[in-house]
Amino acid sequence: MSKYEYNYVSILVGTISGKLKEDYRQVIDRYAADGWKLHSLVPMPLLAGGQASVLDLIFERIIE
């Protein structure tokens, strides 16, 4: 049975603009180059009006 390790990356969302502080596609590409696979995206605690304040990217890879 395979064992996995996980890495969590948080990207802040601008409270006024609603824009991500970092391009999530570049983060995914950077981690993929190191052998990580994107497992999921999770919008974290919502601000007033339903806006996410942080986007968590969860990466996984098999432990060898």
N, C-alpha and C. Protein backbone atom coordinates (compact mmCIF):
# COMPACT_ATOMS: atom_id res chain seq x y z
N MET A 1 0.84 -1.19 0.00
CA MET A 1 0.00 0.00 0.00
C MET A 1 0.89 1.25 0.00
N SER A 2 0.56 2.20 -0.83
CA SER A 2 1.32 3.45 -0.93
C SER A 2 1.07 4.34 0.28
N LYS A 3 2.11 5.08 0.65
CA LYS A 3 1.98 6.09 1.69
C LYS A 3 2.19 7.44 1.03
N TYR A 4 1.50 8.44 1.54
CA TYR A 4 1.54 9.77 0.95
C TYR A 4 2.00 10.80 1.97
N GLU A 5 2.58 11.87 1.43
CA GLU A 5 2.85 13.04 2.26
C GLU A 5 2.11 14.22 1.63
N TYR A 6 1.79 15.19 2.45
CA TYR A 6 1.01 16.33 1.99
C TYR A 6 1.72 17.63 2.30
N ASN A 7 1.47 18.61 1.46
CA ASN A 7 2.02 19.94 1.64
C ASN A 7 0.86 20.93 1.45
N TYR A 8 0.77 21.90 2.34
CA TYR A 8 -0.32 22.86 2.32
C TYR A 8 0.23 24.25 2.02
N VAL A 9 -0.34 24.91 1.03
CA VAL A 9 0.10 26.25 0.63
C VAL A 9 -1.10 27.19 0.69
N SER A 10 -0.96 28.26 1.43
CA SER A 10 -2.04 29.25 1.55
C SER A 10 -1.73 30.46 0.70
N ILE A 11 -2.72 30.88 -0.08
CA ILE A 11 -2.59 32.10 -0.88
C ILE A 11 -3.64 33.09 -0.37
N LEU A 12 -3.16 34.24 0.05
CA LEU A 12 -4.07 35.26 0.58
C LEU A 12 -4.90 35.89 -0.52
N VAL A 13 -6.11 36.29 -0.14
CA VAL A 13 -7.02 36.98 -1.05
C VAL A 13 -7.16 38.42 -0.56
N GLY A 14 -7.01 39.37 -1.45
CA GLY A 14 -7.16 40.78 -1.07
C GLY A 14 -8.56 41.06 -0.54
N THR A 15 -8.64 41.70 0.61
CA THR A 15 -9.95 41.93 1.23
C THR A 15 -10.81 42.92 0.46
N ILE A 16 -10.18 43.86 -0.19
CA ILE A 16 -10.97 44.84 -0.95
C ILE A 16 -11.11 44.42 -2.41
N SER A 17 -9.98 44.01 -3.01
CA SER A 17 -10.00 43.68 -4.44
C SER A 17 -10.56 42.29 -4.72
N GLY A 18 -10.40 41.36 -3.75
CA GLY A 18 -10.83 39.99 -3.97
C GLY A 18 -9.87 39.20 -4.85
N LYS A 19 -8.74 39.82 -5.20
CA LYS A 19 -7.75 39.15 -6.07
C LYS A 19 -6.77 38.37 -5.22
N LEU A 20 -6.31 37.24 -5.79
CA LEU A 20 -5.30 36.43 -5.11
C LEU A 20 -3.98 37.17 -5.09
N LYS A 21 -3.24 37.06 -3.99
CA LYS A 21 -1.95 37.75 -3.85
C LYS A 21 -0.85 37.06 -4.66
N GLU A 22 -1.11 35.83 -5.11
CA GLU A 22 -0.15 35.08 -5.92
C GLU A 22 -0.94 34.26 -6.93
N ASP A 23 -0.41 34.07 -8.12
CA ASP A 23 -1.08 33.31 -9.16
C ASP A 23 -1.05 31.82 -8.82
N TYR A 24 -2.21 31.23 -8.56
CA TYR A 24 -2.27 29.83 -8.14
C TYR A 24 -1.71 28.89 -9.21
N ARG A 25 -1.81 29.27 -10.48
CA ARG A 25 -1.28 28.42 -11.55
C ARG A 25 0.24 28.31 -11.48
N GLN A 26 0.89 29.39 -11.14
CA GLN A 26 2.35 29.37 -10.99
C GLN A 26 2.75 28.51 -9.79
N VAL A 27 1.99 28.59 -8.72
CA VAL A 27 2.26 27.76 -7.53
C VAL A 27 2.12 26.29 -7.89
N ILE A 28 1.05 25.94 -8.59
CA ILE A 28 0.82 24.54 -8.98
C ILE A 28 1.96 24.06 -9.87
N ASP A 29 2.36 24.86 -10.85
CA ASP A 29 3.46 24.48 -11.74
C ASP A 29 4.76 24.28 -10.97
N ARG A 30 5.02 25.15 -10.02
CA ARG A 30 6.25 25.08 -9.22
C ARG A 30 6.29 23.78 -8.40
N TYR A 31 5.18 23.44 -7.77
CA TYR A 31 5.13 22.22 -6.97
C TYR A 31 5.14 20.97 -7.84
N ALA A 32 4.49 21.03 -8.99
CA ALA A 32 4.47 19.89 -9.91
C ALA A 32 5.89 19.57 -10.39
N ALA A 33 6.69 20.59 -10.59
CA ALA A 33 8.07 20.38 -11.02
C ALA A 33 8.88 19.63 -9.97
N ASP A 34 8.44 19.69 -8.70
CA ASP A 34 9.11 18.99 -7.61
C ASP A 34 8.43 17.66 -7.27
N GLY A 35 7.52 17.21 -8.15
CA GLY A 35 6.90 15.91 -7.96
C GLY A 35 5.61 15.89 -7.16
N TRP A 36 5.07 17.07 -6.85
CA TRP A 36 3.82 17.15 -6.10
C TRP A 36 2.64 17.16 -7.06
N LYS A 37 1.54 16.54 -6.65
CA LYS A 37 0.29 16.54 -7.41
C LYS A 37 -0.74 17.34 -6.64
N LEU A 38 -1.44 18.23 -7.34
CA LEU A 38 -2.49 19.00 -6.67
C LEU A 38 -3.60 18.05 -6.25
N HIS A 39 -3.91 18.05 -4.98
CA HIS A 39 -4.96 17.18 -4.44
C HIS A 39 -6.29 17.93 -4.39
N SER A 40 -6.28 19.14 -3.86
CA SER A 40 -7.52 19.91 -3.79
C SER A 40 -7.26 21.38 -3.50
N LEU A 41 -8.28 22.18 -3.76
CA LEU A 41 -8.29 23.61 -3.45
C LEU A 41 -9.40 23.84 -2.43
N VAL A 42 -9.08 24.59 -1.38
CA VAL A 42 -10.08 24.83 -0.35
C VAL A 42 -10.14 26.33 -0.05
N PRO A 43 -11.28 26.98 -0.32
CA PRO A 43 -11.42 28.37 0.09
C PRO A 43 -11.67 28.41 1.60
N MET A 44 -10.85 29.14 2.31
CA MET A 44 -10.92 29.16 3.77
C MET A 44 -11.76 30.32 4.27
N PRO A 45 -11.79 30.51 5.59
CA PRO A 45 -12.79 31.35 6.26
C PRO A 45 -13.33 32.50 5.41
N LEU A 46 -14.61 32.54 5.35
CA LEU A 46 -15.28 33.55 4.54
C LEU A 46 -15.39 34.87 5.28
N LEU A 47 -15.19 35.93 4.54
CA LEU A 47 -15.36 37.28 5.06
C LEU A 47 -16.81 37.69 4.87
N ALA A 48 -17.14 38.86 5.35
CA ALA A 48 -18.49 39.37 5.15
C ALA A 48 -18.80 39.40 3.66
N GLY A 49 -19.96 38.97 3.29
CA GLY A 49 -20.34 38.94 1.90
C GLY A 49 -19.99 37.63 1.22
N GLY A 50 -19.42 36.69 1.97
CA GLY A 50 -19.13 35.37 1.42
C GLY A 50 -17.80 35.23 0.71
N GLN A 51 -16.95 36.23 0.76
CA GLN A 51 -15.65 36.17 0.09
C GLN A 51 -14.66 35.35 0.91
N ALA A 52 -13.90 34.50 0.23
CA ALA A 52 -12.84 33.74 0.90
C ALA A 52 -11.69 34.68 1.23
N SER A 53 -11.04 34.45 2.38
CA SER A 53 -9.90 35.28 2.77
C SER A 53 -8.58 34.60 2.41
N VAL A 54 -8.62 33.28 2.25
CA VAL A 54 -7.42 32.49 1.92
C VAL A 54 -7.84 31.33 1.03
N LEU A 55 -7.00 31.01 0.07
CA LEU A 55 -7.21 29.82 -0.76
C LEU A 55 -6.10 28.83 -0.40
N ASP A 56 -6.48 27.68 0.15
CA ASP A 56 -5.49 26.66 0.49
C ASP A 56 -5.37 25.66 -0.65
N LEU A 57 -4.14 25.43 -1.09
CA LEU A 57 -3.84 24.41 -2.09
C LEU A 57 -3.23 23.24 -1.33
N ILE A 58 -3.76 22.06 -1.56
CA ILE A 58 -3.25 20.86 -0.89
C ILE A 58 -2.60 19.98 -1.95
N PHE A 59 -1.32 19.69 -1.75
CA PHE A 59 -0.55 18.87 -2.67
C PHE A 59 -0.23 17.54 -2.01
N GLU A 60 -0.08 16.49 -2.82
CA GLU A 60 0.32 15.19 -2.29
C GLU A 60 1.35 14.55 -3.21
N ARG A 61 2.13 13.65 -2.61
CA ARG A 61 3.04 12.82 -3.40
C ARG A 61 3.29 11.55 -2.62
N ILE A 62 3.62 10.51 -3.35
CA ILE A 62 3.88 9.21 -2.75
C ILE A 62 5.23 9.25 -2.08
N ILE A 63 5.29 8.71 -0.86
CA ILE A 63 6.56 8.56 -0.15
C ILE A 63 7.20 7.28 -0.64
N GLU A 64 8.42 7.38 -1.08
CA GLU A 64 9.12 6.18 -1.60
C GLU A 64 10.08 5.62 -0.58
